[in-house]
Amino acid sequence: MGIYDRDYYRREGPSFLASFSGQGRVCKYLIIANVIFLILQIISPRQPNTLGEFTDLFDLQVGRVLNGQVWRLLTYAFLHDFGSWQHIVFNMLFLWWFGHDVEDMYGPREFLAFYLLSALLGGVAFTAWEYFSNKPPYAFCVGASGAVTAVMVLYACHYPTRMIYIWLLIPIPIWLFVGFQVAQDFFTWAGRVNTVTAVTVHLAGAAFGFSYFKGNWRIMNFVPDLRSWQRDRKARSRFRIYEERVDRPRTPVAVGAPPTSADVDEQLEAKLDAVLQKVSRKESLTDSEQQILIRASEVYKKRRS
């Protein structure tokens, strides 16, 4: 079948509502999860001057992590200080503003892996810093800021010249906004300034986001593809072995044909069709559309290998 027979030469791209509903799916789930955790924090029983039993079970407390409660290295990133509404509001706003474009670029599974690993590395960095530089009782930590900082840095690396508006009035390039935030955290950390902000977590997220971009890493490349393993197992189980005997004609061996690859998700197919339709009309592509072509190329190369 020739390229002109493909669907993107015969039909329109996805509708506006379909595109919007599919955009940033993982970001939406993460925001919903953070909101649910916040509600559980608020309704959880608590003593005076504490954040409650639910928070106490999942926040990042260095002493308890060292005693084996390692889940806190990740779960802290879904908790927030509900005494300050800015804490969760700005984290979730930044996650959506920057995260949905990054998710569209890398795909839902890779973006989720990137986000969770950023949070985990931030928790490890905070624990190590508190243990080696301070004495008990150690500080505790809650908040998604480390993972969100990693997303912001990765976004700024891809789109450094995009403009944002501070207080809806002052336009500045995104690299300057993100760079200022990281520099502020660095000088706070280097100067050992007394602050309630876990700048160590922010800096760990920023370092990981930058390294991820420069190294062109893909986390899911290190994760076994269980679906492919299951397909291979089913294909092997379909082989039939026959015992050959002299007194009867040979029976052909039935070999199951390997299944076709289905690694490209439907959202990527729809986006790729829309981009190639623009190419066929000789229209210029945006940065995001060029990234879609790059990602699709990587997926198809993986399918052929």
C-alpha atoms as a PDB file:
ATOM      1  CA  MET A   1       0.000   0.000   0.000  1.00  0.00           C
ATOM      2  CA  GLY A   2       1.415   3.364  -1.013  1.00  0.00           C
ATOM      3  CA  ILE A   3       1.774   6.307   1.315  1.00  0.00           C
ATOM      4  CA  TYR A   4      -1.077   8.126  -0.442  1.00  0.00           C
ATOM      5  CA  ASP A   5      -3.419   5.292   0.521  1.00  0.00           C
ATOM      6  CA  ARG A   6      -2.979   5.900   4.228  1.00  0.00           C
ATOM      7  CA  ASP A   7      -5.825   7.354   6.257  1.00  0.00           C
ATOM      8  CA  TYR A   8      -4.144  10.658   6.980  1.00  0.00           C
ATOM      9  CA  TYR A   9      -4.543  11.585   3.315  1.00  0.00           C
ATOM     10  CA  ARG A  10      -8.271  10.883   3.418  1.00  0.00           C
ATOM     11  CA  ARG A  11      -9.579  12.017   6.806  1.00  0.00           C
ATOM     12  CA  GLU A  12      -9.277  14.900   9.183  1.00  0.00           C
ATOM     13  CA  GLY A  13      -7.269  14.810  12.413  1.00  0.00           C
ATOM     14  CA  PRO A  14      -8.837  14.243  15.825  1.00  0.00           C
ATOM     15  CA  SER A  15     -11.626  16.593  16.844  1.00  0.00           C
ATOM     16  CA  PHE A  16     -10.980  19.421  19.273  1.00  0.00           C
ATOM     17  CA  LEU A  17     -12.885  17.720  22.096  1.00  0.00           C
ATOM     18  CA  ALA A  18     -11.111  14.409  21.491  1.00  0.00           C
ATOM     19  CA  SER A  19      -7.721  16.120  21.543  1.00  0.00           C
ATOM     20  CA  PHE A  20      -8.537  17.990  24.732  1.00  0.00           C
ATOM     21  CA  SER A  21      -9.886  14.948  26.530  1.00  0.00           C
ATOM     22  CA  GLY A  22      -6.802  12.924  25.664  1.00  0.00           C
ATOM     23  CA  GLN A  23      -4.270  15.634  26.450  1.00  0.00           C
ATOM     24  CA  GLY A  24      -2.219  15.283  29.609  1.00  0.00           C
ATOM     25  CA  ARG A  25      -4.007  12.176  30.850  1.00  0.00           C
ATOM     26  CA  VAL A  26      -1.300  11.245  33.375  1.00  0.00           C
ATOM     27  CA  CYS A  27      -1.059  14.836  34.585  1.00  0.00           C
ATOM     28  CA  LYS A  28      -4.782  14.786  35.320  1.00  0.00           C
ATOM     29  CA  TYR A  29      -4.498  11.513  37.224  1.00  0.00           C
ATOM     30  CA  LEU A  30      -1.566  12.855  39.254  1.00  0.00           C
ATOM     31  CA  ILE A  31      -3.470  16.015  40.136  1.00  0.00           C
ATOM     32  CA  ILE A  32      -6.507  13.965  41.152  1.00  0.00           C
ATOM     33  CA  ALA A  33      -4.300  11.713  43.299  1.00  0.00           C
ATOM     34  CA  ASN A  34      -2.769  14.732  45.052  1.00  0.00           C
ATOM     35  CA  VAL A  35      -6.198  16.193  45.737  1.00  0.00           C
ATOM     36  CA  ILE A  36      -7.460  12.882  47.145  1.00  0.00           C
ATOM     37  CA  PHE A  37      -4.423  12.630  49.408  1.00  0.00           C
ATOM     38  CA  LEU A  38      -5.020  16.202  50.590  1.00  0.00           C
ATOM     39  CA  ILE A  39      -8.640  15.426  51.460  1.00  0.00           C
ATOM     40  CA  LEU A  40      -7.529  12.360  53.420  1.00  0.00           C
ATOM     41  CA  GLN A  41      -4.979  14.507  55.236  1.00  0.00           C
ATOM     42  CA  ILE A  42      -7.634  17.028  56.198  1.00  0.00           C
ATOM     43  CA  ILE A  43     -10.223  14.531  57.453  1.00  0.00           C
ATOM     44  CA  SER A  44      -7.674  12.329  59.218  1.00  0.00           C
ATOM     45  CA  PRO A  45      -7.706  12.520  63.040  1.00  0.00           C
ATOM     46  CA  ARG A  46      -4.897  14.669  64.378  1.00  0.00           C
ATOM     47  CA  GLN A  47      -3.483  15.982  67.584  1.00  0.00           C
ATOM     48  CA  PRO A  48      -2.739  19.695  68.158  1.00  0.00           C
ATOM     49  CA  ASN A  49       0.300  20.996  66.239  1.00  0.00           C
ATOM     50  CA  THR A  50       0.433  17.890  64.031  1.00  0.00           C
ATOM     51  CA  LEU A  51      -0.554  17.189  60.422  1.00  0.00           C
ATOM     52  CA  GLY A  52      -2.644  14.138  61.325  1.00  0.00           C
ATOM     53  CA  GLU A  53      -2.392  10.367  61.363  1.00  0.00           C
ATOM     54  CA  PHE A  54      -2.644   9.954  57.586  1.00  0.00           C
ATOM     55  CA  THR A  55       0.200  12.401  56.968  1.00  0.00           C
ATOM     56  CA  ASP A  56       2.248  10.764  59.719  1.00  0.00           C
ATOM     57  CA  LEU A  57       1.930   7.427  57.916  1.00  0.00           C
ATOM     58  CA  PHE A  58       3.210   8.611  54.513  1.00  0.00           C
ATOM     59  CA  ASP A  59       5.366  11.740  54.967  1.00  0.00           C
ATOM     60  CA  LEU A  60       9.150  11.669  54.581  1.00  0.00           C
ATOM     61  CA  GLN A  61      10.627  11.174  58.043  1.00  0.00           C
ATOM     62  CA  VAL A  62      14.327  10.342  57.852  1.00  0.00           C
ATOM     63  CA  GLY A  63      14.463   8.299  61.039  1.00  0.00           C
ATOM     64  CA  ARG A  64      11.599   6.057  59.954  1.00  0.00           C
ATOM     65  CA  VAL A  65      13.046   5.616  56.468  1.00  0.00           C
ATOM     66  CA  LEU A  66      16.300   4.440  58.018  1.00  0.00           C
ATOM     67  CA  ASN A  67      14.282   1.975  60.071  1.00  0.00           C
ATOM     68  CA  GLY A  68      12.897   0.377  56.917  1.00  0.00           C
ATOM     69  CA  GLN A  69       9.800   2.418  56.012  1.00  0.00           C
ATOM     70  CA  VAL A  70      11.102   3.037  52.495  1.00  0.00           C
ATOM     71  CA  TRP A  71       7.691   3.773  50.954  1.00  0.00           C
ATOM     72  CA  ARG A  72       8.009   7.267  52.427  1.00  0.00           C
ATOM     73  CA  LEU A  73      10.689   8.060  49.820  1.00  0.00           C
ATOM     74  CA  LEU A  74       7.868   8.251  47.252  1.00  0.00           C
ATOM     75  CA  THR A  75       4.579   8.793  49.084  1.00  0.00           C
ATOM     76  CA  TYR A  76       5.695  12.134  50.546  1.00  0.00           C
ATOM     77  CA  ALA A  77       5.355  13.610  47.042  1.00  0.00           C
ATOM     78  CA  PHE A  78       1.568  13.142  47.153  1.00  0.00           C
ATOM     79  CA  LEU A  79       1.161  14.979  50.465  1.00  0.00           C
ATOM     80  CA  HIS A  80       1.034  18.719  51.114  1.00  0.00           C
ATOM     81  CA  ASP A  81       0.918  21.180  53.967  1.00  0.00           C
ATOM     82  CA  PHE A  82      -2.807  21.869  54.002  1.00  0.00           C
ATOM     83  CA  GLY A  83      -2.237  24.793  56.323  1.00  0.00           C
ATOM     84  CA  SER A  84      -0.915  26.725  53.310  1.00  0.00           C
ATOM     85  CA  TRP A  85      -3.164  26.618  50.240  1.00  0.00           C
ATOM     86  CA  GLN A  86      -0.353  27.926  48.014  1.00  0.00           C
ATOM     87  CA  HIS A  87       1.624  24.729  48.566  1.00  0.00           C
ATOM     88  CA  ILE A  88      -0.636  22.411  46.578  1.00  0.00           C
ATOM     89  CA  VAL A  89      -2.211  25.029  44.289  1.00  0.00           C
ATOM     90  CA  PHE A  90       1.052  26.196  42.729  1.00  0.00           C
ATOM     91  CA  ASN A  91       2.491  22.681  42.548  1.00  0.00           C
ATOM     92  CA  MET A  92      -0.546  21.434  40.656  1.00  0.00           C
ATOM     93  CA  LEU A  93      -0.736  24.504  38.414  1.00  0.00           C
ATOM     94  CA  PHE A  94       2.918  24.146  37.410  1.00  0.00           C
ATOM     95  CA  LEU A  95       2.452  20.399  36.920  1.00  0.00           C
ATOM     96  CA  TRP A  96      -0.383  21.036  34.469  1.00  0.00           C
ATOM     97  CA  TRP A  97       1.094  24.082  32.700  1.00  0.00           C
ATOM     98  CA  PHE A  98       4.412  22.392  31.982  1.00  0.00           C
ATOM     99  CA  GLY A  99       3.604  18.719  32.402  1.00  0.00           C
ATOM    100  CA  HIS A 100       0.944  18.144  29.745  1.00  0.00           C
ATOM    101  CA  ASP A 101       3.287  19.256  26.946  1.00  0.00           C
ATOM    102  CA  VAL A 102       6.077  17.046  28.296  1.00  0.00           C
ATOM    103  CA  GLU A 103       3.660  14.131  28.555  1.00  0.00           C
ATOM    104  CA  ASP A 104       2.514  14.637  24.953  1.00  0.00           C
ATOM    105  CA  MET A 105       6.152  14.647  23.878  1.00  0.00           C
ATOM    106  CA  TYR A 106       7.309  11.517  25.702  1.00  0.00           C
ATOM    107  CA  GLY A 107       4.077   9.571  26.048  1.00  0.00           C
ATOM    108  CA  PRO A 108       2.036   8.700  29.165  1.00  0.00           C
ATOM    109  CA  ARG A 109       4.079   5.725  30.374  1.00  0.00           C
ATOM    110  CA  GLU A 110       7.457   7.422  30.024  1.00  0.00           C
ATOM    111  CA  PHE A 111       6.176  10.643  31.591  1.00  0.00           C
ATOM    112  CA  LEU A 112       4.743   8.780  34.586  1.00  0.00           C
ATOM    113  CA  ALA A 113       8.022   6.912  35.063  1.00  0.00           C
ATOM    114  CA  PHE A 114       9.947  10.194  34.824  1.00  0.00           C
ATOM    115  CA  TYR A 115       7.696  11.894  37.380  1.00  0.00           C
ATOM    116  CA  LEU A 116       7.787   9.065  39.924  1.00  0.00           C
ATOM    117  CA  LEU A 117      11.541   8.580  39.594  1.00  0.00           C
ATOM    118  CA  SER A 118      12.055  12.324  40.071  1.00  0.00           C
ATOM    119  CA  ALA A 119      10.033  12.186  43.287  1.00  0.00           C
ATOM    120  CA  LEU A 120      11.949   9.119  44.472  1.00  0.00           C
ATOM    121  CA  LEU A 121      15.351  10.685  43.807  1.00  0.00           C
ATOM    122  CA  GLY A 122      14.238  13.835  45.604  1.00  0.00           C
ATOM    123  CA  GLY A 123      13.281  11.743  48.632  1.00  0.00           C
ATOM    124  CA  VAL A 124      16.621   9.928  48.583  1.00  0.00           C
ATOM    125  CA  ALA A 125      18.525  13.228  48.318  1.00  0.00           C
ATOM    126  CA  PHE A 126      16.589  14.747  51.236  1.00  0.00           C
ATOM    127  CA  THR A 127      17.174  11.684  53.412  1.00  0.00           C
ATOM    128  CA  ALA A 128      20.897  11.555  52.632  1.00  0.00           C
ATOM    129  CA  TRP A 129      21.376  15.288  53.220  1.00  0.00           C
ATOM    130  CA  GLU A 130      19.554  15.268  56.553  1.00  0.00           C
ATOM    131  CA  TYR A 131      21.390  12.161  57.747  1.00  0.00           C
ATOM    132  CA  PHE A 132      24.918  13.331  56.885  1.00  0.00           C
ATOM    133  CA  SER A 133      24.609  17.044  57.613  1.00  0.00           C
ATOM    134  CA  ASN A 134      22.248  17.257  60.597  1.00  0.00           C
ATOM    135  CA  LYS A 135      21.609  15.557  63.895  1.00  0.00           C
ATOM    136  CA  PRO A 136      18.351  14.063  65.184  1.00  0.00           C
ATOM    137  CA  PRO A 137      15.591  15.041  65.346  1.00  0.00           C
ATOM    138  CA  TYR A 138      15.621  15.342  61.575  1.00  0.00           C
ATOM    139  CA  ALA A 139      13.297  17.545  59.535  1.00  0.00           C
ATOM    140  CA  PHE A 140      10.414  15.928  57.661  1.00  0.00           C
ATOM    141  CA  CYS A 141       9.221  16.636  54.132  1.00  0.00           C
ATOM    142  CA  VAL A 142       5.958  16.696  52.164  1.00  0.00           C
ATOM    143  CA  GLY A 143       5.122  18.032  48.719  1.00  0.00           C
ATOM    144  CA  ALA A 144       5.413  17.395  44.984  1.00  0.00           C
ATOM    145  CA  SER A 145       7.843  20.254  44.381  1.00  0.00           C
ATOM    146  CA  GLY A 146      10.835  18.051  43.556  1.00  0.00           C
ATOM    147  CA  ALA A 147       9.060  16.118  40.814  1.00  0.00           C
ATOM    148  CA  VAL A 148       7.382  19.285  39.518  1.00  0.00           C
ATOM    149  CA  THR A 149      10.779  21.034  39.377  1.00  0.00           C
ATOM    150  CA  ALA A 150      12.124  18.163  37.269  1.00  0.00           C
ATOM    151  CA  VAL A 151       9.188  18.569  34.860  1.00  0.00           C
ATOM    152  CA  MET A 152       9.765  22.343  34.658  1.00  0.00           C
ATOM    153  CA  VAL A 153      13.485  21.928  33.926  1.00  0.00           C
ATOM    154  CA  LEU A 154      12.795  19.335  31.222  1.00  0.00           C
ATOM    155  CA  TYR A 155      10.200  21.631  29.660  1.00  0.00           C
ATOM    156  CA  ALA A 156      12.627  24.585  29.719  1.00  0.00           C
ATOM    157  CA  CYS A 157      15.314  22.472  28.041  1.00  0.00           C
ATOM    158  CA  HIS A 158      12.961  21.675  25.156  1.00  0.00           C
ATOM    159  CA  TYR A 159      11.294  25.096  24.842  1.00  0.00           C
ATOM    160  CA  PRO A 160      13.726  27.663  26.312  1.00  0.00           C
ATOM    161  CA  THR A 161      12.412  30.657  24.354  1.00  0.00           C
ATOM    162  CA  ARG A 162       8.717  30.225  25.057  1.00  0.00           C
ATOM    163  CA  MET A 163       7.289  33.164  26.946  1.00  0.00           C
ATOM    164  CA  ILE A 164       5.299  33.209  30.167  1.00  0.00           C
ATOM    165  CA  TYR A 165       3.738  36.195  31.885  1.00  0.00           C
ATOM    166  CA  ILE A 166       4.536  36.998  35.500  1.00  0.00           C
ATOM    167  CA  TRP A 167       1.418  38.382  37.218  1.00  0.00           C
ATOM    168  CA  LEU A 168      -0.144  38.252  33.718  1.00  0.00           C
ATOM    169  CA  LEU A 169       1.849  41.370  32.798  1.00  0.00           C
ATOM    170  CA  ILE A 170       5.608  40.812  32.540  1.00  0.00           C
ATOM    171  CA  PRO A 171       6.740  38.515  29.692  1.00  0.00           C
ATOM    172  CA  ILE A 172       9.899  36.463  30.326  1.00  0.00           C
ATOM    173  CA  PRO A 173      11.333  33.396  28.559  1.00  0.00           C
ATOM    174  CA  ILE A 174      10.720  30.130  30.325  1.00  0.00           C
ATOM    175  CA  TRP A 175      14.436  29.388  30.729  1.00  0.00           C
ATOM    176  CA  LEU A 176      14.865  32.555  32.790  1.00  0.00           C
ATOM    177  CA  PHE A 177      11.898  31.757  35.035  1.00  0.00           C
ATOM    178  CA  VAL A 178      13.024  28.183  35.697  1.00  0.00           C
ATOM    179  CA  GLY A 179      16.677  29.195  35.984  1.00  0.00           C
ATOM    180  CA  PHE A 180      15.831  31.804  38.606  1.00  0.00           C
ATOM    181  CA  GLN A 181      13.906  29.252  40.680  1.00  0.00           C
ATOM    182  CA  VAL A 182      16.756  26.739  40.565  1.00  0.00           C
ATOM    183  CA  ALA A 183      19.394  29.394  41.320  1.00  0.00           C
ATOM    184  CA  GLN A 184      17.383  30.625  44.289  1.00  0.00           C
ATOM    185  CA  ASP A 185      17.202  27.099  45.673  1.00  0.00           C
ATOM    186  CA  PHE A 186      20.920  26.548  45.081  1.00  0.00           C
ATOM    187  CA  PHE A 187      22.031  29.655  46.954  1.00  0.00           C
ATOM    188  CA  THR A 188      19.644  28.839  49.787  1.00  0.00           C
ATOM    189  CA  TRP A 189      21.153  25.344  49.996  1.00  0.00           C
ATOM    190  CA  ALA A 190      24.793  26.445  49.600  1.00  0.00           C
ATOM    191  CA  GLY A 191      24.422  29.228  52.171  1.00  0.00           C
ATOM    192  CA  ARG A 192      22.713  26.858  54.659  1.00  0.00           C
ATOM    193  CA  VAL A 193      19.929  29.411  54.988  1.00  0.00           C
ATOM    194  CA  ASN A 194      17.321  28.436  57.555  1.00  0.00           C
ATOM    195  CA  THR A 195      14.155  27.738  55.565  1.00  0.00           C
ATOM    196  CA  VAL A 196      11.079  25.514  55.726  1.00  0.00           C
ATOM    197  CA  THR A 197      11.447  24.770  51.992  1.00  0.00           C
ATOM    198  CA  ALA A 198      13.117  21.451  51.142  1.00  0.00           C
ATOM    199  CA  VAL A 199      15.517  22.933  48.606  1.00  0.00           C
ATOM    200  CA  THR A 200      17.487  19.670  48.514  1.00  0.00           C
ATOM    201  CA  VAL A 201      14.476  17.948  46.945  1.00  0.00           C
ATOM    202  CA  HIS A 202      14.096  20.782  44.405  1.00  0.00           C
ATOM    203  CA  LEU A 203      17.758  20.624  43.403  1.00  0.00           C
ATOM    204  CA  ALA A 204      17.676  16.841  43.053  1.00  0.00           C
ATOM    205  CA  GLY A 205      14.659  17.118  40.754  1.00  0.00           C
ATOM    206  CA  ALA A 206      16.309  19.870  38.707  1.00  0.00           C
ATOM    207  CA  ALA A 207      19.539  17.871  38.339  1.00  0.00           C
ATOM    208  CA  PHE A 208      17.659  14.770  37.235  1.00  0.00           C
ATOM    209  CA  GLY A 209      15.507  16.685  34.738  1.00  0.00           C
ATOM    210  CA  PHE A 210      18.571  18.306  33.159  1.00  0.00           C
ATOM    211  CA  SER A 211      20.530  15.024  33.072  1.00  0.00           C
ATOM    212  CA  TYR A 212      17.538  13.237  31.556  1.00  0.00           C
ATOM    213  CA  PHE A 213      17.452  15.778  28.719  1.00  0.00           C
ATOM    214  CA  LYS A 214      21.206  15.911  28.074  1.00  0.00           C
ATOM    215  CA  GLY A 215      21.618  12.142  28.244  1.00  0.00           C
ATOM    216  CA  ASN A 216      18.537  11.506  26.085  1.00  0.00           C
ATOM    217  CA  TRP A 217      17.473   8.870  28.590  1.00  0.00           C
ATOM    218  CA  ARG A 218      14.334   6.767  28.349  1.00  0.00           C
ATOM    219  CA  ILE A 219      13.349   5.144  31.630  1.00  0.00           C
ATOM    220  CA  MET A 220      10.962   2.644  30.042  1.00  0.00           C
ATOM    221  CA  ASN A 221      13.845   1.213  28.005  1.00  0.00           C
ATOM    222  CA  PHE A 222      15.113  -0.297  31.261  1.00  0.00           C
ATOM    223  CA  VAL A 223      11.724  -1.778  32.162  1.00  0.00           C
ATOM    224  CA  PRO A 224      10.892  -5.217  30.726  1.00  0.00           C
ATOM    225  CA  ASP A 225       8.015  -5.120  28.259  1.00  0.00           C
ATOM    226  CA  LEU A 226       5.594  -7.545  29.914  1.00  0.00           C
ATOM    227  CA  ARG A 227       3.147  -7.354  27.017  1.00  0.00           C
ATOM    228  CA  SER A 228       5.848  -8.386  24.543  1.00  0.00           C
ATOM    229  CA  TRP A 229       6.914 -11.206  26.855  1.00  0.00           C
ATOM    230  CA  GLN A 230       3.349 -12.482  27.051  1.00  0.00           C
ATOM    231  CA  ARG A 231       2.985 -12.337  23.260  1.00  0.00           C
ATOM    232  CA  ASP A 232       6.233 -14.279  22.818  1.00  0.00           C
ATOM    233  CA  ARG A 233       5.098 -16.840  25.371  1.00  0.00           C
ATOM    234  CA  LYS A 234       1.782 -17.348  23.589  1.00  0.00           C
ATOM    235  CA  ALA A 235       3.563 -17.652  20.259  1.00  0.00           C
ATOM    236  CA  ARG A 236       5.905 -20.320  21.638  1.00  0.00           C
ATOM    237  CA  SER A 237       2.985 -22.234  23.149  1.00  0.00           C
ATOM    238  CA  ARG A 238       1.375 -22.489  19.714  1.00  0.00           C
ATOM    239  CA  PHE A 239       4.212 -24.638  18.295  1.00  0.00           C
ATOM    240  CA  ARG A 240       3.189 -28.276  17.917  1.00  0.00           C
ATOM    241  CA  ILE A 241       5.674 -31.121  17.861  1.00  0.00           C
ATOM    242  CA  TYR A 242       4.819 -34.321  16.011  1.00  0.00           C
ATOM    243  CA  GLU A 243       6.630 -37.604  16.278  1.00  0.00           C
ATOM    244  CA  GLU A 244       7.737 -38.795  12.864  1.00  0.00           C
ATOM    245  CA  ARG A 245       7.035 -42.451  12.083  1.00  0.00           C
ATOM    246  CA  VAL A 246       8.040 -44.547   9.132  1.00  0.00           C
ATOM    247  CA  ASP A 247       4.682 -46.313   8.732  1.00  0.00           C
ATOM    248  CA  ARG A 248       2.670 -43.162   8.058  1.00  0.00           C
ATOM    249  CA  PRO A 249       3.128 -40.018   5.987  1.00  0.00           C
ATOM    250  CA  ARG A 250       4.779 -37.043   7.531  1.00  0.00           C
ATOM    251  CA  THR A 251       2.510 -34.561   9.155  1.00  0.00           C
ATOM    252  CA  PRO A 252       3.403 -30.916   8.685  1.00  0.00           C
ATOM    253  CA  VAL A 253       4.290 -28.957  11.777  1.00  0.00           C
ATOM    254  CA  ALA A 254       1.834 -26.193  12.542  1.00  0.00           C
ATOM    255  CA  VAL A 255       3.684 -23.030  13.400  1.00  0.00           C
ATOM    256  CA  GLY A 256       1.810 -20.041  14.750  1.00  0.00           C
ATOM    257  CA  ALA A 257       2.630 -16.814  12.999  1.00  0.00           C
ATOM    258  CA  PRO A 258       4.086 -14.170  15.329  1.00  0.00           C
ATOM    259  CA  PRO A 259       1.587 -11.474  16.230  1.00  0.00           C
ATOM    260  CA  THR A 260       1.922  -8.045  14.786  1.00  0.00           C
ATOM    261  CA  SER A 261       3.360  -5.311  16.949  1.00  0.00           C
ATOM    262  CA  ALA A 262       0.953  -2.930  18.663  1.00  0.00           C
ATOM    263  CA  ASP A 263       3.331  -0.777  20.633  1.00  0.00           C
ATOM    264  CA  VAL A 264       2.172   2.537  19.208  1.00  0.00           C
ATOM    265  CA  ASP A 265      -0.734   3.841  21.256  1.00  0.00           C
ATOM    266  CA  GLU A 266      -3.822   5.267  19.612  1.00  0.00           C
ATOM    267  CA  GLN A 267      -3.113   8.811  20.761  1.00  0.00           C
ATOM    268  CA  LEU A 268       0.282   8.808  19.057  1.00  0.00           C
ATOM    269  CA  GLU A 269      -1.290   7.419  15.875  1.00  0.00           C
ATOM    270  CA  ALA A 270      -3.899  10.165  15.862  1.00  0.00           C
ATOM    271  CA  LYS A 271      -1.320  12.892  16.489  1.00  0.00           C
ATOM    272  CA  LEU A 272       1.000  11.452  13.845  1.00  0.00           C
ATOM    273  CA  ASP A 273      -1.816  11.360  11.308  1.00  0.00           C
ATOM    274  CA  ALA A 274      -2.614  15.015  11.983  1.00  0.00           C
ATOM    275  CA  VAL A 275       1.059  16.028  11.661  1.00  0.00           C
ATOM    276  CA  LEU A 276       1.585  14.103   8.426  1.00  0.00           C
ATOM    277  CA  GLN A 277      -1.554  15.667   7.041  1.00  0.00           C
ATOM    278  CA  LYS A 278       0.041  19.080   7.631  1.00  0.00           C
ATOM    279  CA  VAL A 279       3.236  17.851   5.950  1.00  0.00           C
ATOM    280  CA  SER A 280       1.226  16.774   2.922  1.00  0.00           C
ATOM    281  CA  ARG A 281      -0.161  20.314   2.691  1.00  0.00           C
ATOM    282  CA  LYS A 282       3.405  21.686   2.976  1.00  0.00           C
ATOM    283  CA  GLU A 283       2.564  23.587   6.148  1.00  0.00           C
ATOM    284  CA  SER A 284       5.206  24.414   8.749  1.00  0.00           C
ATOM    285  CA  LEU A 285       5.280  22.351  11.950  1.00  0.00           C
ATOM    286  CA  THR A 286       5.422  23.594  15.520  1.00  0.00           C
ATOM    287  CA  ASP A 287       8.058  22.435  18.004  1.00  0.00           C
ATOM    288  CA  SER A 288       5.537  20.085  19.600  1.00  0.00           C
ATOM    289  CA  GLU A 289       4.611  18.549  16.246  1.00  0.00           C
ATOM    290  CA  GLN A 290       8.278  18.016  15.395  1.00  0.00           C
ATOM    291  CA  GLN A 291       8.712  16.205  18.700  1.00  0.00           C
ATOM    292  CA  ILE A 292       5.770  13.964  17.792  1.00  0.00           C
ATOM    293  CA  LEU A 293       7.584  12.973  14.574  1.00  0.00           C
ATOM    294  CA  ILE A 294      10.757  12.227  16.550  1.00  0.00           C
ATOM    295  CA  ARG A 295       8.896  10.118  19.096  1.00  0.00           C
ATOM    296  CA  ALA A 296       7.011   8.239  16.391  1.00  0.00           C
ATOM    297  CA  SER A 297      10.273   7.531  14.606  1.00  0.00           C
ATOM    298  CA  GLU A 298      11.747   6.041  17.796  1.00  0.00           C
ATOM    299  CA  VAL A 299       8.697   3.831  18.324  1.00  0.00           C
ATOM    300  CA  TYR A 300       8.686   2.530  14.750  1.00  0.00           C
ATOM    301  CA  LYS A 301      12.422   1.809  14.898  1.00  0.00           C
ATOM    302  CA  LYS A 302      11.799  -0.198  18.065  1.00  0.00           C
ATOM    303  CA  ARG A 303       9.041  -2.151  16.328  1.00  0.00           C
ATOM    304  CA  ARG A 304      11.343  -3.051  13.431  1.00  0.00           C
ATOM    305  CA  SER A 305      14.184  -4.171  15.698  1.00  0.00           C
END
